[in-house]
Amino acid sequence: NGVTTYYADSVKGRFIVTRDNAKNTVYLQMNNLQPEDTATYYCARG
């Protein structure tokens, strides 16, 4: 339900994860991106 979240220390304060259960969609808002954030990003169902 989006109430409990986890963030890696490296992204705390910059990234925000949310979900819309009506749209079966999860989002990752990434702000203040840095070169070390360069990667392939995957979503997964837990």
All heavy atoms as atom14 arrays in JSON, in Angstrom:
{
  "sequence": "NGVTTYYADSVKGRFIVTRDNAKNTVYLQMNNLQPEDTATYYCARG",
  "atom14_mask": [
    [1, 1, 1, 1, 1, 1, 1, 1, 0, 0, 0, 0, 0, 0],
    [1, 1, 1, 1, 0, 0, 0, 0, 0, 0, 0, 0, 0, 0],
    [1, 1, 1, 1, 1, 1, 1, 0, 0, 0, 0, 0, 0, 0],
    [1, 1, 1, 1, 1, 1, 1, 0, 0, 0, 0, 0, 0, 0],
    [1, 1, 1, 1, 1, 1, 1, 0, 0, 0, 0, 0, 0, 0],
    [1, 1, 1, 1, 1, 1, 1, 1, 1, 1, 1, 1, 0, 0],
    [1, 1, 1, 1, 1, 1, 1, 1, 1, 1, 1, 1, 0, 0],
    [1, 1, 1, 1, 1, 0, 0, 0, 0, 0, 0, 0, 0, 0],
    [1, 1, 1, 1, 1, 1, 1, 1, 0, 0, 0, 0, 0, 0],
    [1, 1, 1, 1, 1, 1, 0, 0, 0, 0, 0, 0, 0, 0],
    [1, 1, 1, 1, 1, 1, 1, 0, 0, 0, 0, 0, 0, 0],
    [1, 1, 1, 1, 1, 1, 1, 1, 1, 0, 0, 0, 0, 0],
    [1, 1, 1, 1, 0, 0, 0, 0, 0, 0, 0, 0, 0, 0],
    [1, 1, 1, 1, 1, 1, 1, 1, 1, 1, 1, 0, 0, 0],
    [1, 1, 1, 1, 1, 1, 1, 1, 1, 1, 1, 0, 0, 0],
    [1, 1, 1, 1, 1, 1, 1, 1, 0, 0, 0, 0, 0, 0],
    [1, 1, 1, 1, 1, 1, 1, 0, 0, 0, 0, 0, 0, 0],
    [1, 1, 1, 1, 1, 1, 1, 0, 0, 0, 0, 0, 0, 0],
    [1, 1, 1, 1, 1, 1, 1, 1, 1, 1, 1, 0, 0, 0],
    [1, 1, 1, 1, 1, 1, 1, 1, 0, 0, 0, 0, 0, 0],
    [1, 1, 1, 1, 1, 1, 1, 1, 0, 0, 0, 0, 0, 0],
    [1, 1, 1, 1, 1, 0, 0, 0, 0, 0, 0, 0, 0, 0],
    [1, 1, 1, 1, 1, 1, 1, 1, 1, 0, 0, 0, 0, 0],
    [1, 1, 1, 1, 1, 1, 1, 1, 0, 0, 0, 0, 0, 0],
    [1, 1, 1, 1, 1, 1, 1, 0, 0, 0, 0, 0, 0, 0],
    [1, 1, 1, 1, 1, 1, 1, 0, 0, 0, 0, 0, 0, 0],
    [1, 1, 1, 1, 1, 1, 1, 1, 1, 1, 1, 1, 0, 0],
    [1, 1, 1, 1, 1, 1, 1, 1, 0, 0, 0, 0, 0, 0],
    [1, 1, 1, 1, 1, 1, 1, 1, 1, 0, 0, 0, 0, 0],
    [1, 1, 1, 1, 1, 1, 1, 1, 0, 0, 0, 0, 0, 0],
    [1, 1, 1, 1, 1, 1, 1, 1, 0, 0, 0, 0, 0, 0],
    [1, 1, 1, 1, 1, 1, 1, 1, 0, 0, 0, 0, 0, 0],
    [1, 1, 1, 1, 1, 1, 1, 1, 0, 0, 0, 0, 0, 0],
    [1, 1, 1, 1, 1, 1, 1, 1, 1, 0, 0, 0, 0, 0],
    [1, 1, 1, 1, 1, 1, 1, 0, 0, 0, 0, 0, 0, 0],
    [1, 1, 1, 1, 1, 1, 1, 1, 1, 0, 0, 0, 0, 0],
    [1, 1, 1, 1, 1, 1, 1, 1, 0, 0, 0, 0, 0, 0],
    [1, 1, 1, 1, 1, 1, 1, 0, 0, 0, 0, 0, 0, 0],
    [1, 1, 1, 1, 1, 0, 0, 0, 0, 0, 0, 0, 0, 0],
    [1, 1, 1, 1, 1, 1, 1, 0, 0, 0, 0, 0, 0, 0],
    [1, 1, 1, 1, 1, 1, 1, 1, 1, 1, 1, 1, 0, 0],
    [1, 1, 1, 1, 1, 1, 1, 1, 1, 1, 1, 1, 0, 0],
    [1, 1, 1, 1, 1, 1, 0, 0, 0, 0, 0, 0, 0, 0],
    [1, 1, 1, 1, 1, 0, 0, 0, 0, 0, 0, 0, 0, 0],
    [1, 1, 1, 1, 1, 1, 1, 1, 1, 1, 1, 0, 0, 0],
    [1, 1, 1, 1, 0, 0, 0, 0, 0, 0, 0, 0, 0, 0]
  ],
  "atom14_positions": [
    [[0.82, -1.22, 0.0], [0.0, 0.0, 0.0], [0.85, 1.27, 0.0], [0.31, 2.37, 0.12], [-0.96, 0.01, 1.18], [-0.25, -0.02, 2.52], [0.97, 0.01, 2.6], [-1.03, -0.07, 3.58], [0.0, 0.0, 0.0], [0.0, 0.0, 0.0], [0.0, 0.0, 0.0], [0.0, 0.0, 0.0], [0.0, 0.0, 0.0], [0.0, 0.0, 0.0]],
    [[2.16, 1.1, -0.12], [3.03, 2.26, -0.21], [3.35, 2.93, 1.1], [4.07, 3.94, 1.12], [0.0, 0.0, 0.0], [0.0, 0.0, 0.0], [0.0, 0.0, 0.0], [0.0, 0.0, 0.0], [0.0, 0.0, 0.0], [0.0, 0.0, 0.0], [0.0, 0.0, 0.0], [0.0, 0.0, 0.0], [0.0, 0.0, 0.0], [0.0, 0.0, 0.0]],
    [[2.87, 2.39, 2.19], [3.1, 3.02, 3.5], [4.53, 2.79, 3.99], [5.15, 3.67, 4.58], [2.09, 2.48, 4.53], [2.44, 2.96, 5.92], [0.68, 2.95, 4.16], [0.0, 0.0, 0.0], [0.0, 0.0, 0.0], [0.0, 0.0, 0.0], [0.0, 0.0, 0.0], [0.0, 0.0, 0.0], [0.0, 0.0, 0.0], [0.0, 0.0, 0.0]],
    [[5.05, 1.62, 3.73], [6.41, 1.28, 4.16], [7.34, 1.32, 2.96], [7.05, 0.71, 1.93], [6.45, -0.12, 4.79], [5.51, -0.19, 5.85], [7.84, -0.42, 5.32], [0.0, 0.0, 0.0], [0.0, 0.0, 0.0], [0.0, 0.0, 0.0], [0.0, 0.0, 0.0], [0.0, 0.0, 0.0], [0.0, 0.0, 0.0], [0.0, 0.0, 0.0]],
    [[8.42, 2.05, 3.12], [9.38, 2.17, 2.01], [10.79, 1.83, 2.48], [11.09, 1.85, 3.68], [9.39, 3.59, 1.43], [9.68, 4.52, 2.48], [8.05, 3.93, 0.79], [0.0, 0.0, 0.0], [0.0, 0.0, 0.0], [0.0, 0.0, 0.0], [0.0, 0.0, 0.0], [0.0, 0.0, 0.0], [0.0, 0.0, 0.0], [0.0, 0.0, 0.0]],
    [[11.61, 1.53, 1.51], [13.04, 1.3, 1.75], [13.82, 2.09, 0.71], [13.43, 2.13, -0.47], [13.38, -0.19, 1.62], [14.87, -0.42, 1.53], [15.65, -0.51, 2.67], [15.49, -0.49, 0.29], [17.02, -0.69, 2.59], [16.86, -0.66, 0.19], [17.62, -0.75, 1.34], [18.97, -0.91, 1.25], [0.0, 0.0, 0.0], [0.0, 0.0, 0.0]],
    [[14.91, 2.7, 1.14], [15.81, 3.4, 0.22], [17.25, 3.04, 0.55], [17.64, 2.98, 1.72], [15.65, 4.91, 0.32], [14.32, 5.43, -0.14], [13.29, 5.68, 0.74], [14.1, 5.68, -1.51], [12.07, 6.14, 0.31], [12.87, 6.15, -1.95], [11.87, 6.38, -1.04], [10.65, 6.84, -1.49], [0.0, 0.0, 0.0], [0.0, 0.0, 0.0]],
    [[18.03, 2.84, -0.49], [19.47, 2.69, -0.28], [20.01, 4.02, 0.24], [19.51, 5.09, -0.13], [20.14, 2.32, -1.59], [0.0, 0.0, 0.0], [0.0, 0.0, 0.0], [0.0, 0.0, 0.0], [0.0, 0.0, 0.0], [0.0, 0.0, 0.0], [0.0, 0.0, 0.0], [0.0, 0.0, 0.0], [0.0, 0.0, 0.0], [0.0, 0.0, 0.0]],
    [[21.03, 3.94, 1.06], [21.61, 5.17, 1.6], [22.06, 6.12, 0.5], [22.0, 7.33, 0.65], [22.8, 4.82, 2.51], [22.39, 4.19, 3.82], [21.19, 4.32, 4.19], [23.23, 3.59, 4.48], [0.0, 0.0, 0.0], [0.0, 0.0, 0.0], [0.0, 0.0, 0.0], [0.0, 0.0, 0.0], [0.0, 0.0, 0.0], [0.0, 0.0, 0.0]],
    [[22.5, 5.56, -0.6], [23.04, 6.36, -1.69], [22.0, 7.21, -2.4], [22.34, 8.15, -3.12], [23.74, 5.46, -2.71], [22.85, 4.48, -3.21], [0.0, 0.0, 0.0], [0.0, 0.0, 0.0], [0.0, 0.0, 0.0], [0.0, 0.0, 0.0], [0.0, 0.0, 0.0], [0.0, 0.0, 0.0], [0.0, 0.0, 0.0], [0.0, 0.0, 0.0]],
    [[20.71, 6.89, -2.18], [19.67, 7.64, -2.89], [18.7, 8.34, -1.95], [17.81, 9.07, -2.41], [18.88, 6.72, -3.85], [19.83, 5.98, -4.79], [17.98, 5.75, -3.1], [0.0, 0.0, 0.0], [0.0, 0.0, 0.0], [0.0, 0.0, 0.0], [0.0, 0.0, 0.0], [0.0, 0.0, 0.0], [0.0, 0.0, 0.0], [0.0, 0.0, 0.0]],
    [[18.86, 8.15, -0.67], [17.96, 8.79, 0.3], [17.99, 10.29, 0.14], [19.04, 10.9, 0.01], [18.37, 8.41, 1.73], [17.89, 7.06, 2.17], [18.31, 6.77, 3.6], [17.87, 5.38, 4.03], [18.36, 5.04, 5.39], [0.0, 0.0, 0.0], [0.0, 0.0, 0.0], [0.0, 0.0, 0.0], [0.0, 0.0, 0.0], [0.0, 0.0, 0.0]],
    [[16.79, 10.88, 0.14], [16.69, 12.32, -0.03], [16.67, 12.78, -1.48], [16.41, 13.96, -1.75], [0.0, 0.0, 0.0], [0.0, 0.0, 0.0], [0.0, 0.0, 0.0], [0.0, 0.0, 0.0], [0.0, 0.0, 0.0], [0.0, 0.0, 0.0], [0.0, 0.0, 0.0], [0.0, 0.0, 0.0], [0.0, 0.0, 0.0], [0.0, 0.0, 0.0]],
    [[16.97, 11.87, -2.41], [16.97, 12.23, -3.83], [15.93, 11.46, -4.63], [15.37, 11.99, -5.58], [18.35, 11.97, -4.44], [19.48, 12.74, -3.79], [20.78, 12.59, -4.58], [21.25, 11.2, -4.62], [21.51, 10.53, -5.74], [21.33, 11.12, -6.91], [21.95, 9.29, -5.68], [0.0, 0.0, 0.0], [0.0, 0.0, 0.0], [0.0, 0.0, 0.0]],
    [[15.69, 10.22, -4.28], [14.76, 9.36, -5.02], [13.49, 9.16, -4.2], [13.53, 9.09, -2.96], [15.38, 8.0, -5.3], [16.5, 8.0, -6.3], [17.09, 9.16, -6.74], [16.97, 6.79, -6.82], [18.12, 9.15, -7.67], [17.99, 6.75, -7.74], [18.58, 7.93, -8.16], [0.0, 0.0, 0.0], [0.0, 0.0, 0.0], [0.0, 0.0, 0.0]],
    [[12.38, 9.02, -4.9], [11.09, 8.75, -4.25], [10.39, 7.63, -5.0], [10.21, 7.73, -6.22], [10.2, 10.0, -4.24], [10.89, 11.15, -3.5], [8.87, 9.68, -3.55], [10.17, 12.48, -3.65], [0.0, 0.0, 0.0], [0.0, 0.0, 0.0], [0.0, 0.0, 0.0], [0.0, 0.0, 0.0], [0.0, 0.0, 0.0], [0.0, 0.0, 0.0]],
    [[9.99, 6.61, -4.27], [9.27, 5.49, -4.88], [7.79, 5.59, -4.48], [7.45, 5.84, -3.33], [9.88, 4.13, -4.45], [9.82, 3.92, -2.94], [9.2, 2.99, -5.2], [0.0, 0.0, 0.0], [0.0, 0.0, 0.0], [0.0, 0.0, 0.0], [0.0, 0.0, 0.0], [0.0, 0.0, 0.0], [0.0, 0.0, 0.0], [0.0, 0.0, 0.0]],
    [[6.93, 5.42, -5.46], [5.49, 5.46, -5.23], [4.82, 4.4, -6.1], [5.44, 3.84, -7.0], [4.89, 6.84, -5.57], [5.2, 7.15, -6.94], [5.44, 7.93, -4.68], [0.0, 0.0, 0.0], [0.0, 0.0, 0.0], [0.0, 0.0, 0.0], [0.0, 0.0, 0.0], [0.0, 0.0, 0.0], [0.0, 0.0, 0.0], [0.0, 0.0, 0.0]],
    [[3.56, 4.17, -5.81], [2.81, 3.22, -6.62], [1.38, 3.69, -6.77], [0.84, 4.39, -5.92], [2.87, 1.83, -6.0], [2.18, 1.7, -4.66], [2.47, 0.35, -4.01], [1.95, -0.77, -4.79], [2.36, -2.03, -4.67], [3.33, -2.32, -3.81], [1.81, -2.97, -5.39], [0.0, 0.0, 0.0], [0.0, 0.0, 0.0], [0.0, 0.0, 0.0]],
    [[0.78, 3.26, -7.87], [-0.63, 3.51, -8.13], [-1.28, 2.16, -8.38], [-1.15, 1.6, -9.48], [-0.79, 4.44, -9.34], [-2.24, 4.85, -9.58], [-3.15, 4.13, -9.11], [-2.45, 5.87, -10.25], [0.0, 0.0, 0.0], [0.0, 0.0, 0.0], [0.0, 0.0, 0.0], [0.0, 0.0, 0.0], [0.0, 0.0, 0.0], [0.0, 0.0, 0.0]],
    [[-1.94, 1.64, -7.37], [-2.51, 0.3, -7.5], [-3.66, 0.24, -8.51], [-3.95, -0.83, -9.04], [-2.97, -0.21, -6.14], [-1.8, -0.64, -5.25], [-0.67, -0.79, -5.72], [-2.07, -0.82, -3.97], [0.0, 0.0, 0.0], [0.0, 0.0, 0.0], [0.0, 0.0, 0.0], [0.0, 0.0, 0.0], [0.0, 0.0, 0.0], [0.0, 0.0, 0.0]],
    [[-4.28, 1.36, -8.76], [-5.35, 1.38, -9.76], [-4.79, 1.25, -11.17], [-5.5, 0.82, -12.09], [-6.16, 2.66, -9.63], [0.0, 0.0, 0.0], [0.0, 0.0, 0.0], [0.0, 0.0, 0.0], [0.0, 0.0, 0.0], [0.0, 0.0, 0.0], [0.0, 0.0, 0.0], [0.0, 0.0, 0.0], [0.0, 0.0, 0.0], [0.0, 0.0, 0.0]],
    [[-3.53, 1.62, -11.34], [-2.91, 1.57, -12.67], [-1.86, 0.46, -12.77], [-1.16, 0.37, -13.78], [-2.25, 2.91, -12.99], [-3.23, 4.07, -13.12], [-2.51, 5.36, -13.49], [-3.5, 6.5, -13.65], [-2.82, 7.77, -14.01], [0.0, 0.0, 0.0], [0.0, 0.0, 0.0], [0.0, 0.0, 0.0], [0.0, 0.0, 0.0], [0.0, 0.0, 0.0]],
    [[-1.73, -0.34, -11.72], [-0.73, -1.42, -11.72], [0.66, -0.88, -12.07], [1.42, -1.52, -12.82], [-1.11, -2.53, -12.72], [-2.21, -3.41, -12.19], [-2.84, -3.12, -11.19], [-2.48, -4.5, -12.9], [0.0, 0.0, 0.0], [0.0, 0.0, 0.0], [0.0, 0.0, 0.0], [0.0, 0.0, 0.0], [0.0, 0.0, 0.0], [0.0, 0.0, 0.0]],
    [[0.99, 0.25, -11.51], [2.23, 0.93, -11.88], [3.0, 1.37, -10.64], [2.4, 1.86, -9.67], [1.93, 2.16, -12.77], [1.2, 1.74, -13.92], [3.21, 2.84, -13.2], [0.0, 0.0, 0.0], [0.0, 0.0, 0.0], [0.0, 0.0, 0.0], [0.0, 0.0, 0.0], [0.0, 0.0, 0.0], [0.0, 0.0, 0.0], [0.0, 0.0, 0.0]],
    [[4.3, 1.21, -10.72], [5.2, 1.72, -9.67], [6.14, 2.72, -10.33], [6.52, 2.56, -11.5], [5.97, 0.56, -9.0], [6.84, -0.21, -9.98], [6.81, 1.1, -7.83], [0.0, 0.0, 0.0], [0.0, 0.0, 0.0], [0.0, 0.0, 0.0], [0.0, 0.0, 0.0], [0.0, 0.0, 0.0], [0.0, 0.0, 0.0], [0.0, 0.0, 0.0]],
    [[6.47, 3.77, -9.59], [7.27, 4.86, -10.12], [8.54, 5.04, -9.29], [8.57, 4.73, -8.1], [6.49, 6.17, -10.09], [5.17, 6.13, -10.81], [3.98, 5.88, -10.11], [5.09, 6.35, -12.18], [2.76, 5.84, -10.76], [3.87, 6.31, -12.84], [2.71, 6.07, -12.13], [1.51, 6.02, -12.79], [0.0, 0.0, 0.0], [0.0, 0.0, 0.0]],
    [[9.55, 5.58, -9.94], [10.75, 6.0, -9.22], [11.11, 7.39, -9.72], [11.56, 7.56, -10.86], [11.91, 5.03, -9.47], [13.17, 5.35, -8.67], [12.92, 5.14, -7.17], [14.35, 4.47, -9.12], [0.0, 0.0, 0.0], [0.0, 0.0, 0.0], [0.0, 0.0, 0.0], [0.0, 0.0, 0.0], [0.0, 0.0, 0.0], [0.0, 0.0, 0.0]],
    [[10.85, 8.37, -8.88], [11.24, 9.75, -9.18], [12.67, 9.94, -8.73], [12.98, 9.77, -7.55], [10.32, 10.73, -8.46], [10.69, 12.19, -8.66], [10.48, 12.65, -10.09], [9.47, 12.31, -10.73], [11.43, 13.43, -10.62], [0.0, 0.0, 0.0], [0.0, 0.0, 0.0], [0.0, 0.0, 0.0], [0.0, 0.0, 0.0], [0.0, 0.0, 0.0]],
    [[13.52, 10.31, -9.66], [14.95, 10.44, -9.37], [15.36, 11.89, -9.57], [15.28, 12.41, -10.69], [15.77, 9.52, -10.27], [15.34, 8.06, -10.21], [16.41, 6.95, -11.14], [16.11, 7.53, -12.8], [0.0, 0.0, 0.0], [0.0, 0.0, 0.0], [0.0, 0.0, 0.0], [0.0, 0.0, 0.0], [0.0, 0.0, 0.0], [0.0, 0.0, 0.0]],
    [[15.76, 12.53, -8.51], [16.15, 13.93, -8.54], [17.63, 14.09, -8.24], [18.25, 13.21, -7.63], [15.33, 14.72, -7.52], [13.84, 14.64, -7.78], [13.38, 14.71, -8.91], [13.07, 14.49, -6.7], [0.0, 0.0, 0.0], [0.0, 0.0, 0.0], [0.0, 0.0, 0.0], [0.0, 0.0, 0.0], [0.0, 0.0, 0.0], [0.0, 0.0, 0.0]],
    [[18.17, 15.22, -8.64], [19.59, 15.5, -8.4], [20.46, 14.31, -8.8], [21.31, 13.85, -8.03], [19.82, 15.86, -6.93], [21.21, 16.4, -6.67], [21.88, 16.89, -7.59], [21.65, 16.32, -5.43], [0.0, 0.0, 0.0], [0.0, 0.0, 0.0], [0.0, 0.0, 0.0], [0.0, 0.0, 0.0], [0.0, 0.0, 0.0], [0.0, 0.0, 0.0]],
    [[20.25, 13.84, -9.99], [20.99, 12.67, -10.46], [22.47, 12.98, -10.59], [22.86, 14.1, -10.96], [20.43, 12.2, -11.8], [19.12, 11.41, -11.68], [18.37, 11.4, -13.0], [19.4, 9.99, -11.22], [0.0, 0.0, 0.0], [0.0, 0.0, 0.0], [0.0, 0.0, 0.0], [0.0, 0.0, 0.0], [0.0, 0.0, 0.0], [0.0, 0.0, 0.0]],
    [[23.27, 11.98, -10.3], [24.72, 12.1, -10.34], [25.29, 11.02, -11.26], [24.65, 10.0, -11.49], [25.3, 11.97, -8.94], [24.8, 13.02, -7.97], [25.14, 14.44, -8.42], [26.27, 14.72, -8.82], [24.16, 15.33, -8.36], [0.0, 0.0, 0.0], [0.0, 0.0, 0.0], [0.0, 0.0, 0.0], [0.0, 0.0, 0.0], [0.0, 0.0, 0.0]],
    [[26.5, 11.23, -11.77], [27.08, 10.22, -12.67], [27.11, 8.83, -12.07], [26.96, 7.83, -12.79], [28.49, 10.76, -12.91], [28.33, 12.24, -12.8], [27.32, 12.44, -11.7], [0.0, 0.0, 0.0], [0.0, 0.0, 0.0], [0.0, 0.0, 0.0], [0.0, 0.0, 0.0], [0.0, 0.0, 0.0], [0.0, 0.0, 0.0], [0.0, 0.0, 0.0]],
    [[27.26, 8.72, -10.77], [27.29, 7.4, -10.14], [25.93, 6.72, -10.13], [25.84, 5.54, -9.78], [27.85, 7.48, -8.71], [27.15, 8.49, -7.83], [27.86, 9.84, -7.82], [28.42, 10.23, -8.86], [27.81, 10.5, -6.76], [0.0, 0.0, 0.0], [0.0, 0.0, 0.0], [0.0, 0.0, 0.0], [0.0, 0.0, 0.0], [0.0, 0.0, 0.0]],
    [[24.89, 7.42, -10.52], [23.57, 6.81, -10.64], [23.4, 6.12, -12.0], [22.38, 5.46, -12.23], [22.46, 7.86, -10.49], [22.43, 8.47, -9.1], [22.52, 7.7, -8.13], [22.31, 9.71, -9.01], [0.0, 0.0, 0.0], [0.0, 0.0, 0.0], [0.0, 0.0, 0.0], [0.0, 0.0, 0.0], [0.0, 0.0, 0.0], [0.0, 0.0, 0.0]],
    [[24.35, 6.28, -12.88], [24.29, 5.63, -14.18], [24.24, 4.13, -14.01], [25.09, 3.53, -13.35], [25.52, 6.03, -15.03], [25.46, 7.43, -15.3], [25.54, 5.25, -16.33], [0.0, 0.0, 0.0], [0.0, 0.0, 0.0], [0.0, 0.0, 0.0], [0.0, 0.0, 0.0], [0.0, 0.0, 0.0], [0.0, 0.0, 0.0], [0.0, 0.0, 0.0]],
    [[23.22, 3.52, -14.6], [23.02, 2.07, -14.46], [21.79, 1.67, -15.27], [21.04, 2.52, -15.74], [22.8, 1.69, -12.99], [0.0, 0.0, 0.0], [0.0, 0.0, 0.0], [0.0, 0.0, 0.0], [0.0, 0.0, 0.0], [0.0, 0.0, 0.0], [0.0, 0.0, 0.0], [0.0, 0.0, 0.0], [0.0, 0.0, 0.0], [0.0, 0.0, 0.0]],
    [[21.6, 0.37, -15.39], [20.34, -0.14, -15.88], [19.45, -0.36, -14.66], [19.86, -1.02, -13.7], [20.53, -1.45, -16.65], [21.36, -1.2, -17.79], [19.19, -1.99, -17.12], [0.0, 0.0, 0.0], [0.0, 0.0, 0.0], [0.0, 0.0, 0.0], [0.0, 0.0, 0.0], [0.0, 0.0, 0.0], [0.0, 0.0, 0.0], [0.0, 0.0, 0.0]],
    [[18.26, 0.19, -14.73], [17.32, 0.12, -13.62], [16.24, -0.91, -13.94], [15.67, -0.91, -15.04], [16.69, 1.48, -13.38], [17.63, 2.43, -12.68], [18.73, 2.98, -13.35], [17.45, 2.78, -11.34], [19.6, 3.83, -12.72], [18.32, 3.64, -10.69], [19.39, 4.16, -11.38], [20.27, 5.01, -10.75], [0.0, 0.0, 0.0], [0.0, 0.0, 0.0]],
    [[15.98, -1.76, -12.96], [15.0, -2.82, -13.1], [13.92, -2.67, -12.04], [14.22, -2.33, -10.89], [15.64, -4.19, -12.92], [16.75, -4.51, -13.88], [18.07, -4.14, -13.61], [16.49, -5.19, -15.07], [19.09, -4.44, -14.49], [17.5, -5.5, -15.96], [18.8, -5.12, -15.66], [19.81, -5.42, -16.54], [0.0, 0.0, 0.0], [0.0, 0.0, 0.0]],
    [[12.69, -2.95, -12.41], [11.66, -3.08, -11.39], [11.35, -4.56, -11.21], [11.59, -5.38, -12.11], [10.4, -2.3, -11.74], [9.4, -2.98, -13.06], [0.0, 0.0, 0.0], [0.0, 0.0, 0.0], [0.0, 0.0, 0.0], [0.0, 0.0, 0.0], [0.0, 0.0, 0.0], [0.0, 0.0, 0.0], [0.0, 0.0, 0.0], [0.0, 0.0, 0.0]],
    [[10.85, -4.89, -10.05], [10.55, -6.29, -9.75], [9.4, -6.37, -8.76], [9.18, -5.45, -7.95], [11.79, -6.97, -9.17], [0.0, 0.0, 0.0], [0.0, 0.0, 0.0], [0.0, 0.0, 0.0], [0.0, 0.0, 0.0], [0.0, 0.0, 0.0], [0.0, 0.0, 0.0], [0.0, 0.0, 0.0], [0.0, 0.0, 0.0], [0.0, 0.0, 0.0]],
    [[8.67, -7.49, -8.84], [7.58, -7.73, -7.91], [8.08, -8.59, -6.76], [8.69, -9.65, -6.99], [6.41, -8.42, -8.61], [5.14, -8.43, -7.78], [4.01, -9.15, -8.47], [4.17, -10.59, -8.42], [3.22, -11.47, -8.71], [2.02, -11.03, -9.08], [3.45, -12.77, -8.65], [0.0, 0.0, 0.0], [0.0, 0.0, 0.0], [0.0, 0.0, 0.0]],
    [[7.82, -8.14, -5.57], [8.33, -8.83, -4.39], [7.34, -9.78, -3.78], [6.54, -10.4, -4.48], [0.0, 0.0, 0.0], [0.0, 0.0, 0.0], [0.0, 0.0, 0.0], [0.0, 0.0, 0.0], [0.0, 0.0, 0.0], [0.0, 0.0, 0.0], [0.0, 0.0, 0.0], [0.0, 0.0, 0.0], [0.0, 0.0, 0.0], [0.0, 0.0, 0.0]]
  ]
}
